Amino acid sequence: MRTVDDDPTLFETTLQHLCDHRLITLSSTPARPDERLVDLAHEALIQSWHTLHTWIDERREAEQTRRRLSMRAADWVRRGRGSSGLLDDIELLEAQRWCDSTDARDLGMEPDLLDLIAESSAAIEQAARAAETARREREALLEARAAAEQQHARVLRRSTVLLSGLLLASLVTAVLAVVFGLQARRNAQEAQQRAAESHGL
């Protein structure tokens, strides 16, 4: 794969030279006819080119990451570029790290991957905002419920105090009525006794 720093003319000339000497073969897939595949054709090249082995070892993981992310982007495009197929938090972080790496600059990246990253980031931020709004609404509801319970408790306390006062007033009134009734009866009896005594004289 040609990196962005490679001279395109020199790259093509070198590729054609290796192909003409049957050290590599070039092919393409029906799914991506514009992308050429390079296969090492000569055993001596595979076994003896130590620099090639070093390049392969250094780039193997980076190339696997590039291909996996490219496949995710292609799958997202195939699904219509909607919410289906977006990256989750961890996948988004990995894709962003990849895009910021020198491997991405050297190996290149699909333009659709950048769109996928942007859409995934926007969707995650929107979900976070919705979760925060829902959290605030729950807190407001709990606060309103607590305030209503406190108000109900205050009303209940006031009602209890009022009822206790009314009960006490009723009790005092009843006691006073009994006391006054007894006093009136005693006064009446005393008046009768005095009247009887005065008639007896």
Protein backbone atom coordinates (compact mmCIF):
# COMPACT_ATOMS: atom_id res chain seq x y z
CA MET A 1 0.00 0.00 0.00
CA ARG A 2 1.31 3.38 -0.98
CA THR A 3 1.55 5.88 1.87
CA VAL A 4 0.71 9.56 1.50
CA ASP A 5 4.42 10.45 1.63
CA ASP A 6 5.36 8.16 -1.28
CA ASP A 7 6.06 9.60 -4.72
CA PRO A 8 3.18 8.21 -6.83
CA THR A 9 5.27 7.96 -10.02
CA LEU A 10 8.17 6.20 -8.30
CA PHE A 11 5.74 3.90 -6.51
CA GLU A 12 4.02 2.86 -9.76
CA THR A 13 7.37 2.41 -11.53
CA THR A 14 8.69 0.20 -8.72
CA LEU A 15 5.48 -1.81 -8.61
CA GLN A 16 5.54 -2.35 -12.37
CA HIS A 17 9.26 -3.33 -12.24
CA LEU A 18 8.55 -5.99 -9.58
CA CYS A 19 5.58 -7.22 -11.59
CA ASP A 20 7.59 -7.38 -14.85
CA HIS A 21 10.21 -9.54 -13.11
CA ARG A 22 7.48 -11.80 -11.70
CA LEU A 23 8.34 -11.07 -8.10
CA ILE A 24 4.76 -9.88 -7.42
CA THR A 25 1.36 -10.26 -9.04
CA LEU A 26 -1.36 -7.61 -9.18
CA SER A 27 -5.07 -8.34 -8.97
CA SER A 28 -8.33 -6.76 -7.84
CA THR A 29 -11.65 -7.90 -6.39
CA PRO A 30 -15.04 -7.45 -8.05
CA ALA A 31 -16.27 -5.62 -4.96
CA ARG A 32 -13.46 -3.04 -5.20
CA PRO A 33 -12.09 -2.96 -8.74
CA ASP A 34 -10.23 0.32 -8.10
CA GLU A 35 -8.16 -1.23 -5.27
CA ARG A 36 -5.24 -3.40 -6.40
CA LEU A 37 -4.08 -6.40 -4.42
CA VAL A 38 -0.38 -7.23 -4.42
CA ASP A 39 0.76 -10.82 -3.85
CA LEU A 40 4.35 -11.88 -3.43
CA ALA A 41 4.99 -14.39 -6.21
CA HIS A 42 8.59 -15.44 -5.80
CA GLU A 43 9.70 -17.62 -2.90
CA ALA A 44 13.14 -16.01 -2.79
CA LEU A 45 11.54 -12.61 -2.24
CA ILE A 46 9.40 -13.98 0.58
CA GLN A 47 12.30 -15.74 2.33
CA SER A 48 15.23 -13.41 1.73
CA TRP A 49 13.89 -9.90 1.94
CA HIS A 50 14.47 -9.17 5.64
CA THR A 51 13.37 -5.56 5.38
CA LEU A 52 10.04 -6.79 4.02
CA HIS A 53 9.64 -9.05 7.06
CA THR A 54 10.36 -6.10 9.34
CA TRP A 55 7.81 -3.94 7.50
CA ILE A 56 5.19 -6.68 7.69
CA ASP A 57 5.79 -7.24 11.40
CA GLU A 58 5.68 -3.51 12.16
CA ARG A 59 2.54 -2.88 10.13
CA ARG A 60 0.58 -6.10 10.74
CA GLU A 61 -1.43 -4.85 13.71
CA ALA A 62 -1.88 -1.39 12.19
CA GLU A 63 -3.13 -2.89 8.93
CA GLN A 64 -5.54 -5.18 10.78
CA THR A 65 -6.93 -2.18 12.64
CA ARG A 66 -7.22 -0.21 9.39
CA ARG A 67 -9.08 -3.06 7.68
CA ARG A 68 -11.42 -3.61 10.63
CA LEU A 69 -12.29 0.08 10.81
CA SER A 70 -12.72 0.26 7.04
CA MET A 71 -15.11 -2.69 7.20
CA ARG A 72 -17.09 -0.98 9.98
CA ALA A 73 -17.33 2.19 7.88
CA ALA A 74 -18.40 0.20 4.80
CA ASP A 75 -21.02 -1.66 6.86
CA TRP A 76 -22.36 1.65 8.22
CA VAL A 77 -22.59 3.06 4.67
CA ARG A 78 -24.33 -0.14 3.50
CA ARG A 79 -26.91 0.31 6.27
CA GLY A 80 -27.74 3.79 5.03
CA ARG A 81 -25.49 5.98 7.21
CA GLY A 82 -28.09 6.06 9.98
CA SER A 83 -27.96 5.13 13.64
CA SER A 84 -27.55 1.45 12.84
CA GLY A 85 -23.90 0.46 12.82
CA LEU A 86 -22.53 3.45 14.73
CA LEU A 87 -19.51 3.00 16.98
CA ASP A 88 -19.93 2.69 20.74
CA ASP A 89 -17.79 4.61 23.26
CA ILE A 90 -14.86 2.18 23.21
CA GLU A 91 -14.91 1.68 19.44
CA LEU A 92 -15.09 5.44 18.92
CA LEU A 93 -12.05 6.00 21.14
CA GLU A 94 -10.10 3.35 19.21
CA ALA A 95 -11.10 4.86 15.85
CA GLN A 96 -10.13 8.37 16.98
CA ARG A 97 -6.75 7.12 18.21
CA TRP A 98 -6.23 5.37 14.88
CA CYS A 99 -7.05 8.51 12.89
CA ASP A 100 -4.62 10.54 15.00
CA SER A 101 -1.80 7.98 14.58
CA THR A 102 1.07 7.99 12.10
CA ASP A 103 -0.20 4.59 10.92
CA ALA A 104 -3.37 6.24 9.63
CA ARG A 105 -1.31 8.86 7.83
CA ASP A 106 1.00 6.22 6.33
CA LEU A 107 -1.58 3.56 5.49
CA GLY A 108 -4.42 5.92 4.67
CA MET A 109 -8.04 5.78 5.77
CA GLU A 110 -11.46 5.66 4.23
CA PRO A 111 -13.27 9.03 4.06
CA ASP A 112 -16.38 7.19 5.23
CA LEU A 113 -14.54 6.34 8.45
CA LEU A 114 -14.26 10.03 9.32
CA ASP A 115 -18.00 10.43 8.68
CA LEU A 116 -18.71 7.38 10.86
CA ILE A 117 -16.57 8.81 13.66
CA ALA A 118 -18.34 12.18 13.46
CA GLU A 119 -21.83 10.60 13.45
CA SER A 120 -20.93 8.21 16.28
CA SER A 121 -19.52 11.05 18.37
CA ALA A 122 -22.64 13.16 17.78
CA ALA A 123 -24.93 10.22 18.69
CA ILE A 124 -22.99 9.50 21.89
CA GLU A 125 -23.10 13.18 22.89
CA GLN A 126 -26.84 13.33 22.17
CA ALA A 127 -27.43 10.18 24.26
CA ALA A 128 -25.37 11.68 27.09
CA ARG A 129 -27.42 14.92 26.93
CA ALA A 130 -30.68 12.92 26.95
CA ALA A 131 -29.46 10.88 29.94
CA GLU A 132 -28.51 14.09 31.77
CA THR A 133 -31.93 15.62 31.01
CA ALA A 134 -33.67 12.47 32.26
CA ARG A 135 -31.50 12.52 35.41
CA ARG A 136 -32.42 16.16 36.09
CA GLU A 137 -36.11 15.42 35.51
CA ARG A 138 -35.92 12.50 37.97
CA GLU A 139 -34.20 14.72 40.53
CA ALA A 140 -36.84 17.45 40.05
CA LEU A 141 -39.60 14.86 40.44
CA LEU A 142 -38.01 13.48 43.62
CA GLU A 143 -37.58 17.01 45.00
CA ALA A 144 -41.23 17.84 44.18
CA ARG A 145 -42.37 14.60 45.83
CA ALA A 146 -40.24 15.33 48.93
CA ALA A 147 -41.65 18.89 49.09
CA ALA A 148 -45.22 17.53 48.79
CA GLU A 149 -44.53 14.99 51.56
CA GLN A 150 -43.12 17.75 53.79
CA GLN A 151 -46.17 19.93 53.07
CA HIS A 152 -48.47 16.99 53.86
CA ALA A 153 -46.56 16.37 57.12
CA ARG A 154 -46.92 20.07 58.08
CA VAL A 155 -50.67 20.00 57.35
CA LEU A 156 -50.99 16.78 59.35
CA ARG A 157 -49.10 18.31 62.30
CA ARG A 158 -51.28 21.43 62.19
CA SER A 159 -54.42 19.31 61.98
CA THR A 160 -53.22 17.23 64.91
CA VAL A 161 -52.51 20.37 66.98
CA LEU A 162 -55.88 21.86 66.03
CA LEU A 163 -57.76 18.67 66.85
CA SER A 164 -55.86 18.34 70.12
CA GLY A 165 -56.80 21.96 70.98
CA LEU A 166 -60.45 21.34 70.09
CA LEU A 167 -60.49 18.14 72.12
CA LEU A 168 -58.92 19.93 75.09
CA ALA A 169 -61.42 22.80 74.78
CA SER A 170 -64.30 20.30 74.61
CA LEU A 171 -62.94 18.49 77.65
CA VAL A 172 -62.55 21.74 79.61
CA THR A 173 -66.07 22.79 78.59
CA ALA A 174 -67.48 19.44 79.71
CA VAL A 175 -65.63 19.62 83.04
CA LEU A 176 -66.81 23.18 83.59
CA ALA A 177 -70.37 22.16 82.72
CA VAL A 178 -70.23 19.36 85.27
CA VAL A 179 -68.65 21.63 87.89
CA PHE A 180 -71.21 24.42 87.26
CA GLY A 181 -74.01 21.86 87.25
CA LEU A 182 -72.89 20.46 90.58
CA GLN A 183 -72.47 23.97 91.98
CA ALA A 184 -75.94 24.94 90.77
CA ARG A 185 -77.45 21.83 92.35
CA ARG A 186 -75.63 22.52 95.61
CA ASN A 187 -76.80 26.14 95.55
CA ALA A 188 -80.36 24.99 94.89
CA GLN A 189 -80.21 22.53 97.76
CA GLU A 190 -78.80 25.17 100.07
CA ALA A 191 -81.55 27.59 99.03
CA GLN A 192 -84.23 24.96 99.73
CA GLN A 193 -82.72 24.19 103.08
CA ARG A 194 -82.65 27.86 104.05
CA ALA A 195 -86.24 28.24 102.87
CA ALA A 196 -87.28 25.21 104.89
CA GLU A 197 -85.53 26.53 107.96
CA SER A 198 -87.12 29.92 107.62
CA HIS A 199 -90.60 28.35 107.31
CA GLY A 200 -89.96 26.23 110.37
CA LEU A 201 -89.37 29.26 112.50
